[in-house]
Amino acid sequence: MTTILSVRKGNCVVMAGDGQVSMQNTIMKPSARKLRNTFDGKVIAGFAGSTADAFTLFEKFDEKLEQYNGKLLGLQLN
């Protein structure tokens, strides 16, 4: 199970996530990066689930961020 935590105070934001990749009870990788900066470092995104799905969603997310000039309200992934 993946844990992603975000805390915001004023203009500061901190995000953290666990780094373990597992399949059922087997640890596949103990130090994965599940957080990613995008849109010139202005957006931080975290993922959980299949790695292939995450890469696909990040790619679509990046495209939509560019399309909507970084405005997250109203952004929808199909």
C-alpha atoms as a PDB file:
ATOM      1  CA  MET A   1       0.000   0.000   0.000  1.00  0.00           C
ATOM      2  CA  THR A   2       1.335   3.408  -0.969  1.00  0.00           C
ATOM      3  CA  THR A   3       1.224   6.404   1.332  1.00  0.00           C
ATOM      4  CA  ILE A   4       1.472   9.952  -0.043  1.00  0.00           C
ATOM      5  CA  LEU A   5       1.232  12.820   2.451  1.00  0.00           C
ATOM      6  CA  SER A   6       0.918  16.525   1.719  1.00  0.00           C
ATOM      7  CA  VAL A   7       1.063  19.383   4.229  1.00  0.00           C
ATOM      8  CA  ARG A   8       0.529  23.038   3.394  1.00  0.00           C
ATOM      9  CA  LYS A   9       1.114  26.062   5.591  1.00  0.00           C
ATOM     10  CA  GLY A  10       0.785  29.460   3.980  1.00  0.00           C
ATOM     11  CA  ASN A  11       2.767  29.416   0.731  1.00  0.00           C
ATOM     12  CA  CYS A  12       4.838  26.365   1.706  1.00  0.00           C
ATOM     13  CA  VAL A  13       3.977  22.799   0.742  1.00  0.00           C
ATOM     14  CA  VAL A  14       5.718  19.577   1.731  1.00  0.00           C
ATOM     15  CA  MET A  15       4.944  16.207   0.143  1.00  0.00           C
ATOM     16  CA  ALA A  16       6.355  12.851   1.125  1.00  0.00           C
ATOM     17  CA  GLY A  17       5.714   9.275   0.108  1.00  0.00           C
ATOM     18  CA  ASP A  18       6.931   5.825   0.957  1.00  0.00           C
ATOM     19  CA  GLY A  19       9.364   4.239  -1.484  1.00  0.00           C
ATOM     20  CA  GLN A  20       8.469   0.583  -1.357  1.00  0.00           C
ATOM     21  CA  VAL A  21       7.271  -1.266  -4.449  1.00  0.00           C
ATOM     22  CA  SER A  22       5.745  -4.624  -3.686  1.00  0.00           C
ATOM     23  CA  MET A  23       3.818  -7.392  -5.372  1.00  0.00           C
ATOM     24  CA  GLN A  24       1.574  -9.130  -2.849  1.00  0.00           C
ATOM     25  CA  ASN A  25       3.965  -9.929   0.032  1.00  0.00           C
ATOM     26  CA  THR A  26       7.209  -9.563  -1.956  1.00  0.00           C
ATOM     27  CA  ILE A  27       9.213  -6.319  -1.861  1.00  0.00           C
ATOM     28  CA  MET A  28      10.340  -5.642  -5.439  1.00  0.00           C
ATOM     29  CA  LYS A  29      12.147  -2.337  -4.813  1.00  0.00           C
ATOM     30  CA  PRO A  30      12.687  -0.631  -1.448  1.00  0.00           C
ATOM     31  CA  SER A  31      13.593   2.854  -2.718  1.00  0.00           C
ATOM     32  CA  ALA A  32      11.306   3.951  -5.571  1.00  0.00           C
ATOM     33  CA  ARG A  33      10.467   7.625  -6.146  1.00  0.00           C
ATOM     34  CA  LYS A  34       6.689   8.056  -6.122  1.00  0.00           C
ATOM     35  CA  LEU A  35       6.687  11.858  -6.245  1.00  0.00           C
ATOM     36  CA  ARG A  36       7.509  13.924  -9.290  1.00  0.00           C
ATOM     37  CA  ASN A  37       7.973  17.623 -10.043  1.00  0.00           C
ATOM     38  CA  THR A  38       6.352  18.819 -13.246  1.00  0.00           C
ATOM     39  CA  PHE A  39       5.411  22.063 -15.012  1.00  0.00           C
ATOM     40  CA  ASP A  40       8.819  23.676 -14.371  1.00  0.00           C
ATOM     41  CA  GLY A  41       8.782  22.622 -10.704  1.00  0.00           C
ATOM     42  CA  LYS A  42       5.486  24.399  -9.990  1.00  0.00           C
ATOM     43  CA  VAL A  43       3.455  21.184  -9.554  1.00  0.00           C
ATOM     44  CA  ILE A  44       4.249  18.150  -7.413  1.00  0.00           C
ATOM     45  CA  ALA A  45       2.397  14.907  -8.127  1.00  0.00           C
ATOM     46  CA  GLY A  46       2.419  11.529  -6.403  1.00  0.00           C
ATOM     47  CA  PHE A  47       1.267   8.152  -7.656  1.00  0.00           C
ATOM     48  CA  ALA A  48       0.167   4.781  -6.392  1.00  0.00           C
ATOM     49  CA  GLY A  49      -0.546   1.562  -8.251  1.00  0.00           C
ATOM     50  CA  SER A  50       0.986   0.039 -11.340  1.00  0.00           C
ATOM     51  CA  THR A  51       4.189   1.697 -12.562  1.00  0.00           C
ATOM     52  CA  ALA A  52       3.090   1.473 -16.196  1.00  0.00           C
ATOM     53  CA  ASP A  53      -0.228   3.122 -15.337  1.00  0.00           C
ATOM     54  CA  ALA A  54       1.561   5.826 -13.365  1.00  0.00           C
ATOM     55  CA  PHE A  55       3.840   6.722 -16.295  1.00  0.00           C
ATOM     56  CA  THR A  56       0.851   6.864 -18.639  1.00  0.00           C
ATOM     57  CA  LEU A  57      -1.104   9.087 -16.246  1.00  0.00           C
ATOM     58  CA  PHE A  58       1.895  11.379 -15.642  1.00  0.00           C
ATOM     59  CA  GLU A  59       2.294  11.787 -19.406  1.00  0.00           C
ATOM     60  CA  LYS A  60      -1.385  12.731 -19.798  1.00  0.00           C
ATOM     61  CA  PHE A  61      -1.178  14.975 -16.728  1.00  0.00           C
ATOM     62  CA  ASP A  62       1.811  16.845 -18.190  1.00  0.00           C
ATOM     63  CA  GLU A  63      -0.030  17.328 -21.502  1.00  0.00           C
ATOM     64  CA  LYS A  64      -3.091  18.738 -19.733  1.00  0.00           C
ATOM     65  CA  LEU A  65      -0.960  21.022 -17.544  1.00  0.00           C
ATOM     66  CA  GLU A  66       0.572  22.491 -20.684  1.00  0.00           C
ATOM     67  CA  GLN A  67      -2.831  22.754 -22.392  1.00  0.00           C
ATOM     68  CA  TYR A  68      -4.371  24.596 -19.400  1.00  0.00           C
ATOM     69  CA  ASN A  69      -1.219  26.611 -18.631  1.00  0.00           C
ATOM     70  CA  GLY A  70      -0.792  25.000 -15.212  1.00  0.00           C
ATOM     71  CA  LYS A  71      -4.303  25.811 -13.994  1.00  0.00           C
ATOM     72  CA  LEU A  72      -5.451  22.708 -12.130  1.00  0.00           C
ATOM     73  CA  LEU A  73      -9.066  23.745 -11.591  1.00  0.00           C
ATOM     74  CA  GLY A  74     -11.127  22.229 -14.368  1.00  0.00           C
ATOM     75  CA  LEU A  75      -8.290  19.963 -15.544  1.00  0.00           C
ATOM     76  CA  GLN A  76      -9.651  16.485 -16.252  1.00  0.00           C
ATOM     77  CA  LEU A  77      -7.843  13.363 -17.419  1.00  0.00           C
ATOM     78  CA  ASN A  78      -9.772  11.029 -19.713  1.00  0.00           C
END
